[in-house]
C-alpha atoms as a PDB file:
ATOM      1  CA  MET A   1      25.594  23.969 -23.860  1.00  0.00           C
ATOM      2  CA  SER A   2      23.636  21.239 -25.661  1.00  0.00           C
ATOM      3  CA  ASP A   3      22.748  21.575 -29.317  1.00  0.00           C
ATOM      4  CA  GLY A   4      20.181  18.779 -29.161  1.00  0.00           C
ATOM      5  CA  GLY A   5      22.355  16.549 -31.351  1.00  0.00           C
ATOM      6  CA  ALA A   6      23.647  13.165 -30.298  1.00  0.00           C
ATOM      7  CA  GLY A   7      27.106  14.470 -29.482  1.00  0.00           C
ATOM      8  CA  GLY A   8      26.123  17.261 -27.120  1.00  0.00           C
ATOM      9  CA  ALA A   9      22.740  16.169 -25.816  1.00  0.00           C
ATOM     10  CA  SER A  10      22.273  16.300 -22.067  1.00  0.00           C
ATOM     11  CA  GLY A  11      21.036  13.286 -20.131  1.00  0.00           C
ATOM     12  CA  ARG A  12      17.616  14.905 -19.771  1.00  0.00           C
ATOM     13  CA  THR A  13      17.434  15.639 -23.497  1.00  0.00           C
ATOM     14  CA  ARG A  14      18.414  12.062 -24.378  1.00  0.00           C
ATOM     15  CA  LYS A  15      15.760  10.741 -21.994  1.00  0.00           C
ATOM     16  CA  ILE A  16      13.084  12.951 -23.579  1.00  0.00           C
ATOM     17  CA  GLU A  17      14.190  11.880 -27.072  1.00  0.00           C
ATOM     18  CA  SER A  18      13.993   8.244 -26.016  1.00  0.00           C
ATOM     19  CA  GLN A  19      10.515   8.691 -24.533  1.00  0.00           C
ATOM     20  CA  ILE A  20       9.230  10.442 -27.632  1.00  0.00           C
ATOM     21  CA  LYS A  21      10.744   7.758 -29.893  1.00  0.00           C
ATOM     22  CA  GLU A  22       9.040   5.004 -27.912  1.00  0.00           C
ATOM     23  CA  ILE A  23       5.654   6.759 -27.742  1.00  0.00           C
ATOM     24  CA  VAL A  24       5.593   7.797 -31.406  1.00  0.00           C
ATOM     25  CA  GLY A  25       6.810   4.349 -32.507  1.00  0.00           C
ATOM     26  CA  GLU A  26       3.997   2.628 -30.624  1.00  0.00           C
ATOM     27  CA  GLU A  27       1.385   5.100 -31.849  1.00  0.00           C
ATOM     28  CA  VAL A  28       2.525   4.855 -35.481  1.00  0.00           C
ATOM     29  CA  ASP A  29       2.017   1.085 -35.272  1.00  0.00           C
ATOM     30  CA  ARG A  30      -1.583   1.724 -34.168  1.00  0.00           C
ATOM     31  CA  LEU A  31      -2.438   4.096 -37.017  1.00  0.00           C
ATOM     32  CA  SER A  32      -4.738   2.721 -39.688  1.00  0.00           C
ATOM     33  CA  ASP A  33      -3.601   5.084 -42.464  1.00  0.00           C
ATOM     34  CA  PRO A  34      -2.603   2.814 -45.383  1.00  0.00           C
ATOM     35  CA  ARG A  35       0.180   5.250 -46.362  1.00  0.00           C
ATOM     36  CA  ILE A  36       2.085   4.292 -43.219  1.00  0.00           C
ATOM     37  CA  HIS A  37       0.443   1.317 -41.479  1.00  0.00           C
ATOM     38  CA  GLY A  38       3.041  -1.415 -41.088  1.00  0.00           C
ATOM     39  CA  LEU A  39       5.459   0.364 -43.415  1.00  0.00           C
ATOM     40  CA  VAL A  40       7.125   2.963 -41.167  1.00  0.00           C
ATOM     41  CA  THR A  41       9.629   2.394 -38.374  1.00  0.00           C
ATOM     42  CA  VAL A  42      10.653   5.231 -36.056  1.00  0.00           C
ATOM     43  CA  THR A  43      14.451   5.131 -35.883  1.00  0.00           C
ATOM     44  CA  GLY A  44      15.310   8.184 -33.789  1.00  0.00           C
ATOM     45  CA  VAL A  45      14.276  11.544 -32.391  1.00  0.00           C
ATOM     46  CA  ARG A  46      16.180  14.805 -31.937  1.00  0.00           C
ATOM     47  CA  VAL A  47      14.679  17.650 -29.925  1.00  0.00           C
ATOM     48  CA  THR A  48      15.687  21.283 -30.135  1.00  0.00           C
ATOM     49  CA  PRO A  49      17.444  22.682 -27.047  1.00  0.00           C
ATOM     50  CA  ASP A  50      14.292  24.576 -26.024  1.00  0.00           C
ATOM     51  CA  LEU A  51      12.172  21.418 -26.580  1.00  0.00           C
ATOM     52  CA  SER A  52       9.840  23.289 -28.928  1.00  0.00           C
ATOM     53  CA  TYR A  53      10.395  20.867 -31.838  1.00  0.00           C
ATOM     54  CA  ALA A  54      11.145  17.172 -32.117  1.00  0.00           C
ATOM     55  CA  THR A  55      12.390  15.784 -35.412  1.00  0.00           C
ATOM     56  CA  VAL A  56      11.219  12.193 -35.708  1.00  0.00           C
ATOM     57  CA  TYR A  57      13.407  10.115 -38.030  1.00  0.00           C
ATOM     58  CA  TYR A  58      11.837   7.116 -39.723  1.00  0.00           C
ATOM     59  CA  SER A  59      12.617   4.393 -42.220  1.00  0.00           C
ATOM     60  CA  LEU A  60      10.348   2.678 -44.724  1.00  0.00           C
ATOM     61  CA  LEU A  61      10.122  -0.782 -46.126  1.00  0.00           C
ATOM     62  CA  GLU A  62      12.061  -0.887 -49.368  1.00  0.00           C
ATOM     63  CA  GLY A  63      10.093   0.264 -52.376  1.00  0.00           C
ATOM     64  CA  GLU A  64       7.514   2.259 -50.414  1.00  0.00           C
ATOM     65  CA  ASP A  65       6.520   5.777 -51.480  1.00  0.00           C
ATOM     66  CA  ARG A  66       8.464   8.277 -49.363  1.00  0.00           C
ATOM     67  CA  GLU A  67       6.231  11.216 -50.110  1.00  0.00           C
ATOM     68  CA  GLU A  68       3.064   9.293 -49.261  1.00  0.00           C
ATOM     69  CA  ALA A  69       4.587   8.148 -45.986  1.00  0.00           C
ATOM     70  CA  ARG A  70       5.635  11.684 -45.081  1.00  0.00           C
ATOM     71  CA  GLU A  71       2.142  12.967 -45.872  1.00  0.00           C
ATOM     72  CA  GLY A  72       0.592  10.212 -43.761  1.00  0.00           C
ATOM     73  CA  LEU A  73       2.858  11.003 -40.823  1.00  0.00           C
ATOM     74  CA  GLN A  74       2.250  14.737 -41.091  1.00  0.00           C
ATOM     75  CA  SER A  75      -1.516  14.177 -41.204  1.00  0.00           C
ATOM     76  CA  ALA A  76      -1.241  12.113 -38.004  1.00  0.00           C
ATOM     77  CA  ALA A  77       1.141  14.595 -36.311  1.00  0.00           C
ATOM     78  CA  GLY A  78      -1.566  16.163 -34.136  1.00  0.00           C
ATOM     79  CA  ARG A  79      -2.724  12.817 -32.808  1.00  0.00           C
ATOM     80  CA  LEU A  80       0.862  11.652 -32.255  1.00  0.00           C
ATOM     81  CA  GLN A  81       1.747  14.919 -30.514  1.00  0.00           C
ATOM     82  CA  SER A  82      -1.300  14.560 -28.242  1.00  0.00           C
ATOM     83  CA  SER A  83      -0.113  11.075 -27.274  1.00  0.00           C
ATOM     84  CA  VAL A  84       3.348  12.428 -26.482  1.00  0.00           C
ATOM     85  CA  GLY A  85       1.792  15.185 -24.360  1.00  0.00           C
ATOM     86  CA  ALA A  86      -0.423  12.749 -22.485  1.00  0.00           C
ATOM     87  CA  GLN A  87       2.412  10.303 -21.747  1.00  0.00           C
ATOM     88  CA  THR A  88       5.199  12.700 -20.758  1.00  0.00           C
ATOM     89  CA  ARG A  89       5.562  15.248 -17.995  1.00  0.00           C
ATOM     90  CA  LEU A  90       6.677  18.077 -20.225  1.00  0.00           C
ATOM     91  CA  ARG A  91       5.231  21.520 -19.633  1.00  0.00           C
ATOM     92  CA  ARG A  92       4.982  22.048 -23.369  1.00  0.00           C
ATOM     93  CA  THR A  93       4.822  19.226 -25.901  1.00  0.00           C
ATOM     94  CA  PRO A  94       7.341  19.572 -28.736  1.00  0.00           C
ATOM     95  CA  ARG A  95       5.898  20.002 -32.204  1.00  0.00           C
ATOM     96  CA  LEU A  96       6.645  16.874 -34.241  1.00  0.00           C
ATOM     97  CA  VAL A  97       8.420  17.109 -37.600  1.00  0.00           C
ATOM     98  CA  PHE A  98       9.021  13.955 -39.647  1.00  0.00           C
ATOM     99  CA  GLU A  99      12.130  13.272 -41.712  1.00  0.00           C
ATOM    100  CA  PRO A 100      13.390  10.114 -43.437  1.00  0.00           C
ATOM    101  CA  ASP A 101      16.378   8.714 -41.549  1.00  0.00           C
ATOM    102  CA  PRO A 102      19.480   9.743 -43.538  1.00  0.00           C
ATOM    103  CA  THR A 103      21.523   6.850 -42.127  1.00  0.00           C
ATOM    104  CA  VAL A 104      19.207   4.356 -43.837  1.00  0.00           C
ATOM    105  CA  ASP A 105      19.853   5.991 -47.228  1.00  0.00           C
ATOM    106  CA  LYS A 106      23.573   6.105 -46.523  1.00  0.00           C
ATOM    107  CA  ALA A 107      23.605   2.404 -45.604  1.00  0.00           C
ATOM    108  CA  SER A 108      21.700   1.558 -48.800  1.00  0.00           C
ATOM    109  CA  ARG A 109      24.205   3.494 -50.921  1.00  0.00           C
ATOM    110  CA  ILE A 110      27.129   1.768 -49.193  1.00  0.00           C
ATOM    111  CA  ASP A 111      25.491  -1.622 -49.698  1.00  0.00           C
ATOM    112  CA  ALA A 112      24.919  -0.900 -53.392  1.00  0.00           C
ATOM    113  CA  ALA A 113      28.541   0.249 -53.801  1.00  0.00           C
ATOM    114  CA  LEU A 114      29.846  -2.897 -52.096  1.00  0.00           C
ATOM    115  CA  ARG A 115      27.697  -5.083 -54.353  1.00  0.00           C
ATOM    116  CA  GLU A 116      29.071  -3.265 -57.391  1.00  0.00           C
ATOM    117  CA  VAL A 117      32.669  -3.747 -56.208  1.00  0.00           C
ATOM    118  CA  LYS A 118      32.004  -7.432 -55.546  1.00  0.00           C
ATOM    119  CA  LYS A 119      30.408  -7.805 -58.987  1.00  0.00           C
ATOM    120  CA  ASP A 120      33.355  -6.048 -60.656  1.00  0.00           C
ATOM    121  CA  ALA A 121      35.821  -8.234 -58.773  1.00  0.00           C
ATOM    122  CA  GLY A 122      33.904 -11.344 -59.860  1.00  0.00           C
ATOM    123  CA  ASP A 123      33.896 -10.175 -63.488  1.00  0.00           C
ATOM    124  CA  ARG A 124      37.689  -9.725 -63.437  1.00  0.00           C
ATOM    125  CA  GLU A 125      38.246 -13.275 -62.131  1.00  0.00           C
ATOM    126  CA  GLU A 126      36.472 -14.837 -65.099  1.00  0.00           C
END
């Protein structure tokens, strides 16, 4: 049984996630809301097994306000969901929920740690 996650997702679920990612990504680029226009990139989508919800993961340009971006995306959720419904053949369109992509934060922390190690190593050589 699929849990909707990357490890256990069925082929159909992965296809739906991919479609939603593409549609939402294109629609986000078309939004004129200054809280998100040109600042947000859709990085992934995970749907629940019953397809009632789709979590849309996104990243921001560095230094952008996370809370503002989330508010902008949530305010556009109805329009984005309508686009998903119009462009897919799903009986019921999943409700969109937006979350910052945790892998982006993890990569930033790793990068910062590596820079610190490199700096410390450089300090010891002097």
